[in-house]
Amino acid sequence: MRRQFIVICVIACLAVGVGWQATASAGGDHPGRYGPHGPVITTSSSTTDPGDSLTVNCKNFAPNEKVTFSLHSGGAFLGKTYSNRNGSCSIEVTIPSDTTGGVHTIVATGATGDSASTEITVVVKHHKHHNSGNSPWWDIF
């Protein structure tokens, strides 16, 4: 358990120190844009707890395009929004409370088939249970 905690802390420190770079890909019949002109997403934080919210910013999508966000590792729908006339957008998403700890990928997919992704680290905090002698009955059983 201690080893997992250390590994997660190292990953979190690297993520904050280096920063996460989003990657772009194309899907469907759309030719897609790659490199510096392809879609890119970033998050307001590279680490989060299950149930917490963070902001996802995107750029280089098609103008006025519907962009859908999901947590790829579990297929959870996180939300949708539309890009502005410059192809940029921003949305606040909530990481599902049942998300397991570790590295997960947020994917933004545009209606044209272009997509971008970035990784976040979900940190699950475990608390030791102490029975103080005056616990409610549900702690006894």
Protein backbone atom coordinates (compact mmCIF):
# COMPACT_ATOMS: atom_id res chain seq x y z
CA MET A 1 0.00 0.00 0.00
CA ARG A 2 2.82 2.37 0.89
CA ARG A 3 4.55 1.54 -2.39
CA GLN A 4 1.40 2.42 -4.39
CA PHE A 5 1.15 5.71 -2.53
CA ILE A 6 4.77 6.55 -3.35
CA VAL A 7 4.27 5.65 -7.02
CA ILE A 8 1.16 7.85 -7.24
CA CYS A 9 3.01 10.72 -5.56
CA VAL A 10 5.93 10.41 -8.00
CA ILE A 11 3.54 10.39 -10.97
CA ALA A 12 1.69 13.40 -9.60
CA CYS A 13 4.93 15.33 -9.07
CA LEU A 14 6.12 14.54 -12.58
CA ALA A 15 2.77 15.56 -14.00
CA VAL A 16 2.85 18.90 -12.23
CA GLY A 17 6.53 19.51 -12.94
CA VAL A 18 6.55 18.51 -16.59
CA GLY A 19 2.91 19.17 -17.48
CA TRP A 20 0.70 16.93 -19.55
CA GLN A 21 0.73 17.44 -23.30
CA ALA A 22 -2.45 16.52 -25.13
CA THR A 23 -2.36 14.43 -28.27
CA ALA A 24 -4.59 14.70 -31.31
CA SER A 25 -6.01 12.06 -33.60
CA ALA A 26 -8.60 11.84 -36.33
CA GLY A 27 -11.48 9.43 -36.61
CA GLY A 28 -14.03 8.41 -39.21
CA ASP A 29 -13.75 9.71 -42.77
CA HIS A 30 -12.51 13.12 -41.68
CA PRO A 31 -8.88 13.64 -42.74
CA GLY A 32 -8.04 15.24 -39.39
CA ARG A 33 -5.45 17.79 -38.47
CA TYR A 34 -2.26 16.81 -36.70
CA GLY A 35 0.68 18.52 -35.12
CA PRO A 36 0.53 22.14 -34.04
CA HIS A 37 -2.76 22.74 -35.91
CA GLY A 38 -4.63 19.68 -34.63
CA PRO A 39 -7.07 19.71 -31.70
CA VAL A 40 -5.52 20.02 -28.25
CA ILE A 41 -7.01 19.78 -24.76
CA THR A 42 -5.57 20.71 -21.38
CA THR A 43 -6.94 20.45 -17.86
CA SER A 44 -6.86 22.88 -14.95
CA SER A 45 -5.20 20.18 -12.85
CA SER A 46 -3.31 17.00 -13.68
CA THR A 47 -4.47 15.29 -10.47
CA THR A 48 -7.92 15.04 -8.93
CA ASP A 49 -10.01 13.04 -6.51
CA PRO A 50 -13.04 10.98 -7.55
CA GLY A 51 -16.13 13.21 -7.48
CA ASP A 52 -14.13 16.43 -7.91
CA SER A 53 -14.46 18.83 -10.84
CA LEU A 54 -11.85 20.29 -13.14
CA THR A 55 -11.87 22.53 -16.19
CA VAL A 56 -11.02 21.15 -19.63
CA ASN A 57 -9.88 23.70 -22.23
CA CYS A 58 -9.71 22.87 -25.93
CA LYS A 59 -8.51 24.58 -29.08
CA ASN A 60 -8.11 23.89 -32.80
CA PHE A 61 -11.49 22.20 -33.23
CA ALA A 62 -13.70 23.25 -36.13
CA PRO A 63 -15.57 26.53 -35.55
CA ASN A 64 -18.95 26.11 -33.78
CA GLU A 65 -18.42 22.35 -33.49
CA LYS A 66 -20.10 20.17 -30.86
CA VAL A 67 -17.37 18.65 -28.68
CA THR A 68 -18.14 15.68 -26.41
CA PHE A 69 -15.96 14.77 -23.42
CA SER A 70 -15.54 11.32 -21.90
CA LEU A 71 -13.34 9.48 -19.43
CA HIS A 72 -11.91 6.90 -21.80
CA SER A 73 -10.83 4.39 -19.16
CA GLY A 74 -14.40 3.81 -18.04
CA GLY A 75 -16.37 5.19 -20.94
CA ALA A 76 -18.07 7.71 -18.66
CA PHE A 77 -19.72 10.69 -20.37
CA LEU A 78 -18.37 13.90 -18.83
CA GLY A 79 -20.24 16.54 -20.82
CA LYS A 80 -20.54 18.38 -24.11
CA THR A 81 -20.17 21.93 -25.33
CA TYR A 82 -19.64 23.86 -28.57
CA SER A 83 -16.43 25.45 -29.76
CA ASN A 84 -16.49 29.14 -30.53
CA ARG A 85 -15.79 30.69 -33.95
CA ASN A 86 -12.05 30.19 -33.32
CA GLY A 87 -12.45 26.47 -32.50
CA SER A 88 -11.82 26.91 -28.76
CA CYS A 89 -13.98 25.83 -25.85
CA SER A 90 -13.94 25.28 -22.12
CA ILE A 91 -16.06 23.07 -19.88
CA GLU A 92 -16.14 22.08 -16.23
CA VAL A 93 -16.40 18.30 -15.83
CA THR A 94 -16.86 16.11 -12.77
CA ILE A 95 -14.85 12.92 -12.44
CA PRO A 96 -17.29 10.13 -11.45
CA SER A 97 -17.13 9.30 -7.75
CA ASP A 98 -16.60 5.59 -8.49
CA THR A 99 -13.48 6.21 -10.61
CA THR A 100 -10.55 4.06 -9.47
CA GLY A 101 -7.20 5.55 -8.59
CA GLY A 102 -4.49 5.80 -11.22
CA VAL A 103 -3.90 7.36 -14.62
CA HIS A 104 -6.99 8.00 -16.75
CA THR A 105 -7.52 9.61 -20.14
CA ILE A 106 -9.97 12.40 -20.88
CA VAL A 107 -11.01 12.40 -24.55
CA ALA A 108 -12.63 15.29 -26.43
CA THR A 109 -14.31 14.29 -29.69
CA GLY A 110 -15.62 16.80 -32.18
CA ALA A 111 -18.62 16.21 -34.45
CA THR A 112 -16.24 16.12 -37.45
CA GLY A 113 -14.39 13.16 -35.94
CA ASP A 114 -11.30 15.02 -34.75
CA SER A 115 -10.32 14.22 -31.20
CA ALA A 116 -7.75 15.11 -28.59
CA SER A 117 -6.87 13.53 -25.28
CA THR A 118 -4.91 14.19 -22.14
CA GLU A 119 -4.12 12.15 -19.06
CA ILE A 120 -5.02 12.89 -15.47
CA THR A 121 -4.13 11.06 -12.27
CA VAL A 122 -7.02 10.19 -9.97
CA VAL A 123 -5.91 9.89 -6.36
CA VAL A 124 -8.11 7.87 -4.02
CA LYS A 125 -7.49 8.71 -0.38
CA HIS A 126 -7.81 5.84 2.06
CA HIS A 127 -8.54 6.55 5.71
CA LYS A 128 -7.74 4.15 8.50
CA HIS A 129 -10.76 3.22 10.56
CA HIS A 130 -10.39 3.81 14.27
CA ASN A 131 -13.05 2.71 16.71
CA SER A 132 -13.14 5.34 19.43
CA GLY A 133 -15.58 3.39 21.57
CA ASN A 134 -18.43 5.83 20.94
CA SER A 135 -18.97 4.94 17.26
CA PRO A 136 -22.43 4.83 15.74
CA TRP A 137 -23.99 1.37 15.56
CA TRP A 138 -23.10 0.96 11.85
CA ASP A 139 -19.39 0.99 12.74
CA ILE A 140 -19.92 -1.92 15.12
CA PHE A 141 -21.41 -4.44 12.68
